[in-house]
């Protein structure tokens, strides 16, 4: 794999899956999809909090999948404006996922201490898994963001 500092433009074709940080699209999509599935399958006790987490997971899943497909298709054509777009998308996703992960962690903590529902254990376990995957997705987006910023700076 080549480093982010040695590549000043975005790769195209299957090189996207072999170039760091663009290879991070795959775990971002996987972890984001798992957050989406876990939040969608859990019992909604707080629609506002879980609605934001659901919005973030769906939005970032679609955004990452779209960018990955566009990069593989070579639509960017080596333009520097796509490098800027990549940075903006990764910064937005990192910020959104950090807020969603913190809110999901708060909600999970709240359910564990204050809920008297008989489904407490099931809801708690699904939400703990959603919190773990949300923080993993956040980590992937932050790493991708930092490397994209380095690529943007060198271009």
C-alpha atoms as a PDB file:
ATOM      1  CA  UNK A   1       0.000   0.000   0.000  1.00  0.00           C
ATOM      2  CA  UNK A   2       1.192   3.459  -0.728  1.00  0.00           C
ATOM      3  CA  UNK A   3       1.135   6.136   1.928  1.00  0.00           C
ATOM      4  CA  UNK A   4      -1.145   9.146   1.982  1.00  0.00           C
ATOM      5  CA  UNK A   5       1.756  11.553   1.716  1.00  0.00           C
ATOM      6  CA  UNK A   6       3.176   9.976  -1.436  1.00  0.00           C
ATOM      7  CA  UNK A   7      -0.140  10.065  -3.291  1.00  0.00           C
ATOM      8  CA  UNK A   8      -1.200  13.614  -4.132  1.00  0.00           C
ATOM      9  CA  UNK A   9      -4.258  12.676  -6.179  1.00  0.00           C
ATOM     10  CA  UNK A  10      -7.081  10.259  -5.734  1.00  0.00           C
ATOM     11  CA  UNK A  11      -6.603   6.783  -7.158  1.00  0.00           C
ATOM     12  CA  UNK A  12      -9.066   5.311  -9.623  1.00  0.00           C
ATOM     13  CA  UNK A  13     -10.170   1.820 -10.525  1.00  0.00           C
ATOM     14  CA  UNK A  14      -9.306  -1.019  -8.190  1.00  0.00           C
ATOM     15  CA  UNK A  15      -6.293   0.961  -6.922  1.00  0.00           C
ATOM     16  CA  UNK A  16      -8.784   2.566  -4.533  1.00  0.00           C
ATOM     17  CA  UNK A  17      -8.934  -0.730  -2.632  1.00  0.00           C
ATOM     18  CA  UNK A  18      -5.137  -0.891  -2.399  1.00  0.00           C
ATOM     19  CA  UNK A  19      -4.311   2.692  -1.448  1.00  0.00           C
ATOM     20  CA  UNK A  20      -4.281   4.057   2.079  1.00  0.00           C
ATOM     21  CA  UNK A  21      -6.459   5.910   3.243  1.00  0.00           C
ATOM     22  CA  UNK A  22      -9.000   4.997   0.554  1.00  0.00           C
ATOM     23  CA  UNK A  23      -9.012   1.352   1.638  1.00  0.00           C
ATOM     24  CA  UNK A  24     -10.723   2.637   4.820  1.00  0.00           C
ATOM     25  CA  UNK A  25     -13.935   3.013   2.811  1.00  0.00           C
ATOM     26  CA  UNK A  26     -14.519  -0.717   3.295  1.00  0.00           C
ATOM     27  CA  UNK A  27     -14.480  -0.771   7.138  1.00  0.00           C
ATOM     28  CA  UNK A  28     -16.377   2.530   7.206  1.00  0.00           C
ATOM     29  CA  UNK A  29     -19.156   0.973   5.156  1.00  0.00           C
ATOM     30  CA  UNK A  30     -19.126  -2.287   7.151  1.00  0.00           C
ATOM     31  CA  UNK A  31     -19.137  -0.647  10.606  1.00  0.00           C
ATOM     32  CA  UNK A  32     -21.664   1.976   9.497  1.00  0.00           C
ATOM     33  CA  UNK A  33     -23.943  -0.736   8.115  1.00  0.00           C
ATOM     34  CA  UNK A  34     -23.718  -2.636  11.393  1.00  0.00           C
ATOM     35  CA  UNK A  35     -24.669   0.501  13.349  1.00  0.00           C
ATOM     36  CA  UNK A  36     -27.574   1.020  10.967  1.00  0.00           C
ATOM     37  CA  UNK A  37     -28.791  -2.570  11.413  1.00  0.00           C
ATOM     38  CA  UNK A  38     -28.397  -2.604  15.198  1.00  0.00           C
ATOM     39  CA  UNK A  39     -30.168   0.706  15.748  1.00  0.00           C
ATOM     40  CA  UNK A  40     -32.934  -0.229  13.322  1.00  0.00           C
ATOM     41  CA  UNK A  41     -33.514  -3.562  15.066  1.00  0.00           C
ATOM     42  CA  UNK A  42     -33.490  -2.233  18.624  1.00  0.00           C
ATOM     43  CA  UNK A  43     -36.546  -1.024  20.462  1.00  0.00           C
ATOM     44  CA  UNK A  44     -36.792   2.753  20.186  1.00  0.00           C
ATOM     45  CA  UNK A  45     -37.110   4.243  23.643  1.00  0.00           C
ATOM     46  CA  UNK A  46     -35.807   7.691  22.701  1.00  0.00           C
ATOM     47  CA  UNK A  47     -36.767   8.589  19.124  1.00  0.00           C
ATOM     48  CA  UNK A  48     -34.761  11.827  19.033  1.00  0.00           C
ATOM     49  CA  UNK A  49     -31.450  10.279  20.077  1.00  0.00           C
ATOM     50  CA  UNK A  50     -31.789   7.115  18.068  1.00  0.00           C
ATOM     51  CA  UNK A  51     -33.207   9.041  15.115  1.00  0.00           C
ATOM     52  CA  UNK A  52     -30.000  11.070  14.886  1.00  0.00           C
ATOM     53  CA  UNK A  53     -27.871   7.920  15.123  1.00  0.00           C
ATOM     54  CA  UNK A  54     -29.974   6.326  12.399  1.00  0.00           C
ATOM     55  CA  UNK A  55     -29.703   9.414  10.171  1.00  0.00           C
ATOM     56  CA  UNK A  56     -25.925   9.544  10.603  1.00  0.00           C
ATOM     57  CA  UNK A  57     -25.431   5.851   9.901  1.00  0.00           C
ATOM     58  CA  UNK A  58     -27.609   5.890   6.775  1.00  0.00           C
ATOM     59  CA  UNK A  59     -26.181   9.197   5.495  1.00  0.00           C
ATOM     60  CA  UNK A  60     -22.548   8.144   5.975  1.00  0.00           C
ATOM     61  CA  UNK A  61     -23.201   4.668   4.565  1.00  0.00           C
ATOM     62  CA  UNK A  62     -24.679   6.143   1.385  1.00  0.00           C
ATOM     63  CA  UNK A  63     -22.005   8.857   1.148  1.00  0.00           C
ATOM     64  CA  UNK A  64     -19.111   6.408   1.577  1.00  0.00           C
ATOM     65  CA  UNK A  65     -20.599   3.891  -0.844  1.00  0.00           C
ATOM     66  CA  UNK A  66     -21.200   6.607  -3.433  1.00  0.00           C
ATOM     67  CA  UNK A  67     -17.684   8.030  -3.107  1.00  0.00           C
ATOM     68  CA  UNK A  68     -16.157   4.554  -3.317  1.00  0.00           C
ATOM     69  CA  UNK A  69     -18.124   3.772  -6.491  1.00  0.00           C
ATOM     70  CA  UNK A  70     -17.223   7.148  -8.034  1.00  0.00           C
ATOM     71  CA  UNK A  71     -13.537   6.651  -7.257  1.00  0.00           C
ATOM     72  CA  UNK A  72     -13.536   3.104  -8.605  1.00  0.00           C
ATOM     73  CA  UNK A  73     -15.286   4.380 -11.741  1.00  0.00           C
ATOM     74  CA  UNK A  74     -12.646   7.091 -12.159  1.00  0.00           C
ATOM     75  CA  UNK A  75     -15.206   9.887 -12.352  1.00  0.00           C
ATOM     76  CA  UNK A  76     -12.885  12.337 -10.594  1.00  0.00           C
ATOM     77  CA  UNK A  77     -10.363  12.314 -13.440  1.00  0.00           C
ATOM     78  CA  UNK A  78      -7.470  13.487 -11.243  1.00  0.00           C
ATOM     79  CA  UNK A  79      -9.066  16.838 -10.412  1.00  0.00           C
ATOM     80  CA  UNK A  80      -7.888  18.581  -7.236  1.00  0.00           C
ATOM     81  CA  UNK A  81     -11.454  19.637  -6.432  1.00  0.00           C
ATOM     82  CA  UNK A  82     -12.222  15.969  -5.714  1.00  0.00           C
ATOM     83  CA  UNK A  83      -9.444  15.912  -3.132  1.00  0.00           C
ATOM     84  CA  UNK A  84     -11.135  18.870  -1.436  1.00  0.00           C
ATOM     85  CA  UNK A  85     -14.514  17.132  -1.668  1.00  0.00           C
ATOM     86  CA  UNK A  86     -12.984  14.025  -0.082  1.00  0.00           C
ATOM     87  CA  UNK A  87     -11.688  16.083   2.850  1.00  0.00           C
ATOM     88  CA  UNK A  88     -15.049  17.780   3.353  1.00  0.00           C
ATOM     89  CA  UNK A  89     -16.926  14.474   3.254  1.00  0.00           C
ATOM     90  CA  UNK A  90     -14.532  12.772   5.680  1.00  0.00           C
ATOM     91  CA  UNK A  91     -14.611  15.721   8.118  1.00  0.00           C
ATOM     92  CA  UNK A  92     -18.402  15.812   8.056  1.00  0.00           C
ATOM     93  CA  UNK A  93     -18.686  12.064   8.554  1.00  0.00           C
ATOM     94  CA  UNK A  94     -16.164  12.068  11.423  1.00  0.00           C
ATOM     95  CA  UNK A  95     -18.001  14.869  13.216  1.00  0.00           C
ATOM     96  CA  UNK A  96     -21.420  13.305  12.631  1.00  0.00           C
ATOM     97  CA  UNK A  97     -20.284   9.865  13.769  1.00  0.00           C
ATOM     98  CA  UNK A  98     -18.599  11.239  16.887  1.00  0.00           C
ATOM     99  CA  UNK A  99     -21.835  12.959  17.908  1.00  0.00           C
ATOM    100  CA  UNK A 100     -23.889   9.862  17.087  1.00  0.00           C
ATOM    101  CA  UNK A 101     -21.553   7.531  19.007  1.00  0.00           C
ATOM    102  CA  UNK A 102     -21.627   9.761  22.086  1.00  0.00           C
ATOM    103  CA  UNK A 103     -25.430  10.034  21.964  1.00  0.00           C
ATOM    104  CA  UNK A 104     -25.811   6.282  21.515  1.00  0.00           C
ATOM    105  CA  UNK A 105     -23.446   5.680  24.445  1.00  0.00           C
ATOM    106  CA  UNK A 106     -25.475   8.094  26.591  1.00  0.00           C
ATOM    107  CA  UNK A 107     -28.703   6.383  25.588  1.00  0.00           C
ATOM    108  CA  UNK A 108     -27.251   2.959  26.375  1.00  0.00           C
ATOM    109  CA  UNK A 109     -26.083   4.167  29.786  1.00  0.00           C
ATOM    110  CA  UNK A 110     -29.534   5.612  30.447  1.00  0.00           C
ATOM    111  CA  UNK A 111     -31.264   2.350  29.485  1.00  0.00           C
ATOM    112  CA  UNK A 112     -28.926   0.314  31.682  1.00  0.00           C
ATOM    113  CA  UNK A 113     -29.646   2.331  34.818  1.00  0.00           C
ATOM    114  CA  UNK A 114     -33.150   3.713  34.562  1.00  0.00           C
ATOM    115  CA  UNK A 115     -35.229   1.471  32.350  1.00  0.00           C
ATOM    116  CA  UNK A 116     -37.588  -0.993  34.021  1.00  0.00           C
ATOM    117  CA  UNK A 117     -38.648  -2.600  30.763  1.00  0.00           C
ATOM    118  CA  UNK A 118     -38.602  -6.421  30.600  1.00  0.00           C
ATOM    119  CA  UNK A 119     -36.775  -6.091  27.266  1.00  0.00           C
ATOM    120  CA  UNK A 120     -33.983  -4.172  29.014  1.00  0.00           C
ATOM    121  CA  UNK A 121     -31.333  -6.874  28.499  1.00  0.00           C
ATOM    122  CA  UNK A 122     -32.002  -7.289  24.774  1.00  0.00           C
ATOM    123  CA  UNK A 123     -32.180  -3.549  24.138  1.00  0.00           C
ATOM    124  CA  UNK A 124     -29.042  -3.013  26.207  1.00  0.00           C
ATOM    125  CA  UNK A 125     -27.029  -5.662  24.367  1.00  0.00           C
ATOM    126  CA  UNK A 126     -28.042  -4.348  20.930  1.00  0.00           C
ATOM    127  CA  UNK A 127     -27.223  -0.803  21.948  1.00  0.00           C
ATOM    128  CA  UNK A 128     -23.850  -1.763  23.428  1.00  0.00           C
ATOM    129  CA  UNK A 129     -22.974  -3.387  20.101  1.00  0.00           C
ATOM    130  CA  UNK A 130     -24.195  -0.272  18.271  1.00  0.00           C
ATOM    131  CA  UNK A 131     -22.001   1.911  20.515  1.00  0.00           C
ATOM    132  CA  UNK A 132     -18.920  -0.230  19.854  1.00  0.00           C
ATOM    133  CA  UNK A 133     -19.431  -0.180  16.090  1.00  0.00           C
ATOM    134  CA  UNK A 134     -20.267   3.542  16.115  1.00  0.00           C
ATOM    135  CA  UNK A 135     -16.973   4.312  17.843  1.00  0.00           C
ATOM    136  CA  UNK A 136     -15.105   2.002  15.446  1.00  0.00           C
ATOM    137  CA  UNK A 137     -16.723   3.805  12.499  1.00  0.00           C
ATOM    138  CA  UNK A 138     -15.775   7.123  14.106  1.00  0.00           C
ATOM    139  CA  UNK A 139     -12.172   5.953  14.407  1.00  0.00           C
ATOM    140  CA  UNK A 140     -12.095   4.893  10.743  1.00  0.00           C
ATOM    141  CA  UNK A 141     -13.532   8.240   9.604  1.00  0.00           C
ATOM    142  CA  UNK A 142     -11.082  10.209  11.773  1.00  0.00           C
ATOM    143  CA  UNK A 143      -8.083   8.281  10.415  1.00  0.00           C
ATOM    144  CA  UNK A 144      -9.408   8.734   6.870  1.00  0.00           C
ATOM    145  CA  UNK A 145      -9.966  12.438   7.545  1.00  0.00           C
ATOM    146  CA  UNK A 146      -6.423  13.006   8.818  1.00  0.00           C
ATOM    147  CA  UNK A 147      -4.884  11.184   5.864  1.00  0.00           C
ATOM    148  CA  UNK A 148      -7.176  13.029   3.437  1.00  0.00           C
ATOM    149  CA  UNK A 149      -6.093  16.326   4.978  1.00  0.00           C
ATOM    150  CA  UNK A 150      -2.449  15.342   4.451  1.00  0.00           C
ATOM    151  CA  UNK A 151      -3.216  14.459   0.824  1.00  0.00           C
ATOM    152  CA  UNK A 152      -5.085  17.748   0.362  1.00  0.00           C
ATOM    153  CA  UNK A 153      -2.215  19.726   1.868  1.00  0.00           C
ATOM    154  CA  UNK A 154       0.327  18.094  -0.443  1.00  0.00           C
ATOM    155  CA  UNK A 155      -1.779  18.579  -3.588  1.00  0.00           C
END
